[in-house]
N, C-alpha and C. Protein backbone atom coordinates (compact mmCIF):
# COMPACT_ATOMS: atom_id res chain seq x y z
N MET A 1 1.87 -25.97 -11.41
CA MET A 1 0.85 -24.92 -11.87
C MET A 1 0.60 -24.31 -10.86
N ARG A 2 0.72 -24.45 -9.77
CA ARG A 2 0.25 -23.34 -8.26
C ARG A 2 0.99 -22.44 -8.29
N SER A 3 2.57 -23.04 -8.27
CA SER A 3 3.69 -22.46 -7.97
C SER A 3 3.53 -21.33 -9.22
N LEU A 4 3.27 -21.73 -10.55
CA LEU A 4 3.45 -20.57 -11.76
C LEU A 4 2.49 -19.58 -11.24
N LEU A 5 1.00 -20.03 -10.87
CA LEU A 5 0.16 -18.94 -10.39
C LEU A 5 0.45 -17.91 -9.58
N ARG A 6 1.28 -18.61 -8.39
CA ARG A 6 1.57 -17.43 -7.27
C ARG A 6 2.61 -16.44 -8.28
N ARG A 7 3.70 -16.92 -8.75
CA ARG A 7 4.74 -16.34 -9.16
C ARG A 7 4.15 -15.22 -10.05
N ARG A 8 3.07 -15.59 -10.84
CA ARG A 8 2.30 -14.68 -11.42
C ARG A 8 1.37 -13.45 -10.78
N THR A 9 1.17 -14.03 -9.95
CA THR A 9 0.29 -13.22 -8.86
C THR A 9 1.31 -12.13 -8.50
N ARG A 10 2.36 -12.62 -8.00
CA ARG A 10 3.41 -11.64 -7.34
C ARG A 10 4.05 -10.46 -8.14
N ARG A 11 4.02 -11.10 -9.36
CA ARG A 11 4.99 -10.17 -10.32
C ARG A 11 3.62 -9.30 -10.95
N GLU A 12 2.39 -9.61 -11.24
CA GLU A 12 1.48 -8.32 -11.07
C GLU A 12 1.22 -7.30 -10.17
N LEU A 13 1.25 -8.22 -8.85
CA LEU A 13 1.14 -7.37 -7.63
C LEU A 13 2.26 -6.08 -7.74
N TYR A 14 3.73 -6.73 -7.88
CA TYR A 14 4.69 -5.82 -7.94
C TYR A 14 4.47 -4.72 -8.93
N SER A 15 3.86 -5.00 -10.29
CA SER A 15 3.88 -4.13 -11.34
C SER A 15 2.74 -3.11 -10.87
N LEU A 16 1.88 -3.48 -9.99
CA LEU A 16 0.70 -2.95 -9.98
C LEU A 16 0.97 -1.82 -8.67
N VAL A 17 1.96 -2.05 -8.11
CA VAL A 17 2.42 -1.17 -6.91
C VAL A 17 3.66 -0.30 -7.45
N ARG A 18 4.20 -0.82 -8.28
CA ARG A 18 5.27 0.19 -9.07
C ARG A 18 4.34 1.26 -9.91
N HIS A 19 3.40 1.03 -10.65
CA HIS A 19 2.69 1.86 -11.50
C HIS A 19 2.09 2.95 -10.34
N LEU A 20 1.31 2.52 -9.47
CA LEU A 20 0.78 3.25 -8.44
C LEU A 20 2.12 4.16 -7.66
N HIS A 21 3.11 3.58 -7.20
CA HIS A 21 4.11 4.63 -6.90
C HIS A 21 4.37 5.64 -7.93
N SER A 22 4.42 5.49 -9.03
CA SER A 22 4.83 6.46 -10.48
C SER A 22 3.34 7.28 -10.38
N ALA A 23 2.53 7.09 -10.29
CA ALA A 23 1.34 7.89 -10.16
C ALA A 23 1.18 8.46 -9.05
N SER A 24 1.53 8.37 -8.05
CA SER A 24 1.85 9.02 -6.63
C SER A 24 2.90 10.08 -6.58
N VAL A 25 3.54 9.82 -7.37
CA VAL A 25 5.07 10.84 -7.58
C VAL A 25 4.60 11.90 -8.46
N PHE A 26 3.94 11.47 -9.86
CA PHE A 26 3.64 12.32 -10.57
C PHE A 26 2.62 13.48 -9.98
N LEU A 27 1.68 12.75 -9.18
CA LEU A 27 0.52 13.62 -8.65
C LEU A 27 1.14 14.51 -7.79
N PHE A 28 2.10 14.03 -6.92
CA PHE A 28 2.81 15.01 -6.07
C PHE A 28 3.42 15.88 -6.47
N ALA A 29 4.06 15.51 -7.52
CA ALA A 29 5.02 16.62 -8.05
C ALA A 29 4.06 17.85 -8.67
N ASN A 30 3.08 17.68 -9.46
CA ASN A 30 2.11 18.29 -9.64
C ASN A 30 1.51 19.15 -8.61
N VAL A 31 1.23 18.74 -7.77
CA VAL A 31 0.66 19.56 -6.49
C VAL A 31 2.05 20.46 -6.16
N LEU A 32 3.06 20.04 -5.95
CA LEU A 32 4.18 21.00 -5.39
C LEU A 32 4.20 22.14 -6.60
N ILE A 33 4.36 21.85 -8.05
CA ILE A 33 4.27 22.39 -8.68
C ILE A 33 3.48 23.66 -8.70
N GLY A 34 1.97 23.30 -8.74
CA GLY A 34 0.90 23.96 -8.71
C GLY A 34 0.74 25.13 -7.14
N THR A 35 1.50 24.27 -6.13
CA THR A 35 1.52 25.13 -4.95
C THR A 35 2.56 26.53 -5.21
N ALA A 36 3.67 26.06 -5.85
CA ALA A 36 4.51 27.01 -6.33
C ALA A 36 4.16 28.25 -7.26
N LEU A 37 3.64 27.63 -8.24
CA LEU A 37 2.99 28.79 -9.30
C LEU A 37 1.90 29.70 -8.15
N TYR A 38 1.27 29.16 -7.60
CA TYR A 38 0.23 29.85 -6.55
C TYR A 38 0.78 31.00 -5.57
N ALA A 39 2.11 30.34 -5.05
CA ALA A 39 2.73 31.22 -4.40
C ALA A 39 3.40 32.41 -4.92
N ILE A 40 3.52 32.05 -6.16
CA ILE A 40 4.59 33.29 -7.19
C ILE A 40 3.41 33.96 -7.31
N GLY A 41 2.24 33.44 -8.01
CA GLY A 41 1.40 34.30 -8.39
C GLY A 41 0.87 35.36 -7.32
N ASN A 42 0.67 34.71 -6.25
CA ASN A 42 0.45 35.53 -4.90
C ASN A 42 1.17 36.73 -4.72
N TYR A 43 2.59 36.35 -5.06
CA TYR A 43 3.54 37.50 -4.66
C TYR A 43 3.53 38.25 -5.68
N GLN A 44 3.24 38.13 -7.12
CA GLN A 44 3.47 39.02 -8.38
C GLN A 44 1.94 39.38 -8.44
N GLU A 45 0.91 39.03 -7.69
CA GLU A 45 -0.43 39.77 -7.88
C GLU A 45 -1.13 39.40 -8.88
N PHE A 46 -1.36 38.05 -9.31
CA PHE A 46 -1.96 37.52 -10.45
C PHE A 46 -3.31 38.26 -10.45
N LEU A 47 -4.04 37.99 -11.15
CA LEU A 47 -5.47 38.18 -11.38
C LEU A 47 -6.15 37.47 -10.23
N ASP A 48 -7.31 37.78 -9.60
CA ASP A 48 -7.92 36.72 -8.61
C ASP A 48 -8.53 35.59 -9.41
N THR A 49 -9.15 35.57 -10.98
CA THR A 49 -9.58 34.30 -11.31
C THR A 49 -8.52 33.32 -11.55
N THR A 50 -7.22 34.10 -11.90
CA THR A 50 -6.31 32.84 -12.18
C THR A 50 -5.89 32.34 -10.82
N GLN A 51 -5.82 33.19 -9.72
CA GLN A 51 -5.50 32.41 -8.42
C GLN A 51 -6.40 31.47 -8.10
N HIS A 52 -8.00 31.72 -8.22
CA HIS A 52 -8.72 30.86 -7.99
C HIS A 52 -8.64 29.48 -8.65
N VAL A 53 -8.18 29.60 -10.08
CA VAL A 53 -8.01 28.37 -10.79
C VAL A 53 -6.90 27.47 -10.38
N MET A 54 -6.00 28.61 -9.93
CA MET A 54 -4.58 27.64 -9.34
C MET A 54 -5.20 26.98 -7.84
N ILE A 55 -5.62 27.54 -7.11
CA ILE A 55 -6.14 26.89 -5.70
C ILE A 55 -6.95 25.74 -6.21
N ALA A 56 -7.60 26.14 -6.82
CA ALA A 56 -8.63 24.65 -7.24
C ALA A 56 -8.06 23.52 -7.55
N LEU A 57 -7.22 23.95 -8.71
CA LEU A 57 -6.45 22.94 -9.37
C LEU A 57 -5.29 22.20 -8.45
N VAL A 58 -4.60 22.91 -7.62
CA VAL A 58 -3.91 22.34 -6.50
C VAL A 58 -4.60 21.51 -5.52
N ARG A 59 -5.97 21.92 -5.09
CA ARG A 59 -6.90 21.16 -4.46
C ARG A 59 -7.34 20.05 -4.98
N TYR A 60 -7.67 19.93 -6.28
CA TYR A 60 -7.97 18.65 -6.59
C TYR A 60 -6.89 17.78 -7.22
N LEU A 61 -5.69 18.43 -7.63
CA LEU A 61 -4.68 17.39 -7.49
C LEU A 61 -4.34 16.59 -6.20
N ALA A 62 -4.01 17.64 -5.09
CA ALA A 62 -4.05 17.02 -3.89
C ALA A 62 -4.89 15.81 -3.29
N ILE A 63 -6.33 16.06 -3.58
CA ILE A 63 -7.17 14.85 -3.29
C ILE A 63 -6.91 13.72 -4.00
N GLY A 64 -6.34 13.98 -5.16
CA GLY A 64 -5.97 13.00 -6.34
C GLY A 64 -5.08 12.18 -5.75
N ALA A 65 -3.94 12.97 -5.22
CA ALA A 65 -2.79 12.22 -4.77
C ALA A 65 -2.98 11.73 -3.32
N VAL A 66 -3.63 11.92 -2.69
CA VAL A 66 -3.93 11.31 -1.52
C VAL A 66 -4.87 10.28 -1.95
N LEU A 67 -5.80 10.13 -2.60
CA LEU A 67 -6.60 8.85 -2.79
C LEU A 67 -5.48 7.95 -3.36
N VAL A 68 -4.66 8.09 -4.51
CA VAL A 68 -3.92 7.28 -5.29
C VAL A 68 -2.94 6.81 -4.30
N THR A 69 -2.07 7.73 -3.48
CA THR A 69 -1.19 7.20 -2.25
C THR A 69 -1.89 6.06 -1.43
N LEU A 70 -3.18 6.38 -1.04
CA LEU A 70 -3.47 5.59 0.16
C LEU A 70 -3.86 4.06 -0.44
N VAL A 71 -4.21 3.93 -1.80
CA VAL A 71 -4.40 2.86 -2.64
C VAL A 71 -2.67 2.12 -2.62
N TYR A 72 -2.15 2.98 -3.20
CA TYR A 72 -0.61 2.64 -3.12
C TYR A 72 -0.05 1.86 -1.97
N PHE A 73 -0.48 2.45 -0.68
CA PHE A 73 -0.11 2.00 0.64
C PHE A 73 -0.67 0.78 1.09
N ALA A 74 -1.84 0.33 0.85
CA ALA A 74 -2.44 -0.57 0.99
C ALA A 74 -2.21 -1.59 0.13
N LEU A 75 -1.65 -1.65 -1.17
CA LEU A 75 -1.25 -2.47 -1.86
C LEU A 75 0.08 -2.87 -1.47
N ALA A 76 0.85 -1.76 -1.22
CA ALA A 76 2.24 -2.07 -0.52
C ALA A 76 2.35 -2.84 0.55
N VAL A 77 1.26 -2.86 1.55
CA VAL A 77 1.42 -3.40 2.78
C VAL A 77 0.63 -5.10 2.19
N VAL A 78 -0.22 -4.95 1.49
CA VAL A 78 -0.45 -6.62 0.81
C VAL A 78 1.05 -7.05 0.13
N GLN A 79 1.76 -6.38 -0.50
CA GLN A 79 2.98 -6.85 -0.94
C GLN A 79 3.89 -7.28 -0.05
N MET A 80 3.87 -6.35 1.10
CA MET A 80 4.86 -7.02 2.17
C MET A 80 4.32 -8.07 2.82
N ILE A 81 2.98 -8.15 2.95
CA ILE A 81 2.54 -9.34 3.30
C ILE A 81 2.95 -10.80 2.57
N VAL A 82 2.78 -10.44 1.46
CA VAL A 82 2.82 -11.64 0.46
C VAL A 82 4.31 -11.89 0.32
N LEU A 83 5.17 -11.14 0.24
CA LEU A 83 6.60 -11.44 0.04
C LEU A 83 7.20 -11.66 1.30
N ARG A 84 6.53 -11.47 2.49
CA ARG A 84 7.33 -11.56 3.84
C ARG A 84 8.55 -10.55 4.36
N SER A 85 8.43 -9.40 3.55
CA SER A 85 9.74 -8.40 3.97
C SER A 85 8.79 -7.00 4.31
N PHE A 86 9.17 -6.14 5.15
CA PHE A 86 8.84 -5.04 5.43
C PHE A 86 10.02 -4.01 4.98
N ARG A 87 9.39 -3.13 4.34
CA ARG A 87 10.32 -2.12 3.27
C ARG A 87 9.58 -0.66 4.05
N LEU A 88 10.37 -0.15 5.09
CA LEU A 88 10.32 1.11 5.87
C LEU A 88 10.08 2.16 4.75
N ARG A 89 10.87 2.33 3.61
CA ARG A 89 10.78 3.28 2.90
C ARG A 89 9.55 3.54 2.16
N ASP A 90 8.96 2.51 1.71
CA ASP A 90 7.47 2.32 1.14
C ASP A 90 6.81 3.38 2.22
N VAL A 91 6.60 2.64 3.58
CA VAL A 91 5.75 3.13 4.55
C VAL A 91 6.04 4.64 4.83
N LEU A 92 7.25 4.90 5.08
CA LEU A 92 7.23 6.52 5.21
C LEU A 92 7.00 7.18 4.09
N TYR A 93 7.35 6.79 2.80
CA TYR A 93 6.93 7.40 1.69
C TYR A 93 5.47 7.82 1.58
N ALA A 94 4.71 6.79 1.84
CA ALA A 94 3.00 6.98 1.68
C ALA A 94 2.69 7.78 2.89
N VAL A 95 3.19 7.56 4.10
CA VAL A 95 2.77 8.64 5.14
C VAL A 95 3.15 10.15 4.67
N LEU A 96 4.13 10.22 4.27
CA LEU A 96 4.68 11.74 3.91
C LEU A 96 3.93 12.34 3.00
N ILE A 97 3.73 11.69 1.95
CA ILE A 97 2.95 12.22 0.79
C ILE A 97 1.51 12.19 1.13
N THR A 98 0.93 11.26 1.96
CA THR A 98 -0.65 11.72 2.34
C THR A 98 -0.46 12.69 3.33
N ALA A 99 0.42 12.91 4.12
CA ALA A 99 0.28 14.15 5.24
C ALA A 99 0.40 15.30 4.40
N ILE A 100 1.50 15.44 3.57
CA ILE A 100 1.71 16.83 2.78
C ILE A 100 0.25 16.85 1.92
N SER A 101 0.17 16.02 1.20
CA SER A 101 -1.16 16.09 0.33
C SER A 101 -2.35 16.53 0.80
N SER A 102 -2.81 15.99 1.89
CA SER A 102 -4.01 16.35 2.83
C SER A 102 -3.85 17.63 3.45
N THR A 103 -2.58 18.12 3.92
CA THR A 103 -2.42 19.55 4.28
C THR A 103 -2.72 20.49 3.41
N LEU A 104 -2.37 20.05 2.10
CA LEU A 104 -2.38 20.78 1.03
C LEU A 104 -3.80 21.05 0.38
N ALA A 105 -4.38 19.93 0.34
CA ALA A 105 -5.98 19.95 0.09
C ALA A 105 -6.88 20.73 1.00
N ILE A 106 -6.59 20.45 2.22
CA ILE A 106 -7.46 21.56 3.39
C ILE A 106 -6.80 22.86 3.18
N ALA A 107 -5.69 23.03 2.94
CA ALA A 107 -5.52 24.58 3.13
C ALA A 107 -6.09 25.22 1.69
N GLY A 108 -6.14 24.56 0.59
CA GLY A 108 -6.93 25.14 -0.51
C GLY A 108 -8.27 25.14 -0.44
N GLY A 109 -8.76 24.17 0.29
CA GLY A 109 -10.29 24.50 0.62
C GLY A 109 -10.45 25.60 1.55
N ILE A 110 -9.63 25.77 2.31
CA ILE A 110 -9.91 26.97 3.48
C ILE A 110 -9.47 28.32 2.52
N LEU A 111 -8.61 28.57 1.69
CA LEU A 111 -8.08 29.69 0.90
C LEU A 111 -9.19 29.76 -0.29
N THR A 112 -9.85 29.04 -0.75
CA THR A 112 -10.83 28.96 -1.61
C THR A 112 -12.00 29.60 -0.72
N THR A 113 -12.30 29.14 0.56
CA THR A 113 -13.56 29.43 0.96
C THR A 113 -13.28 31.18 1.39
N LEU A 114 -12.08 31.37 1.91
CA LEU A 114 -11.71 32.72 2.59
C LEU A 114 -11.67 33.85 1.09
N SER A 115 -11.48 33.22 -0.07
CA SER A 115 -11.31 34.16 -1.11
C SER A 115 -12.76 34.51 -1.72
N VAL A 116 -13.45 33.76 -1.55
CA VAL A 116 -14.87 33.79 -1.93
C VAL A 116 -15.70 34.89 -1.09
N TYR A 117 -15.73 35.02 0.17
CA TYR A 117 -15.78 35.89 1.22
C TYR A 117 -15.12 37.16 1.02
């Protein structure tokens, strides 16, 4: 009975980590797409209100990506401890996504503040 419970817990933990990984990739892709659209709009001189909406969207998506990736990283570490295996790919992925998304969130906040004044 105890072995079955452990196997089920491991399977659910693996599934949760996999779903968080997918959510993290989705949010990060949206952050990159939003940043690209902002850059294209800045080059083509979109209306100011459109630029404000784009940078606000990028900022909120980046904050969401950071939060989801941090939860993913924490649960991936728990999974590594439970499975007794270290996966460098997961650690590097979480660190890179968090660093890039945090930078874009801070940049979005700075650009929003500068554009208001």
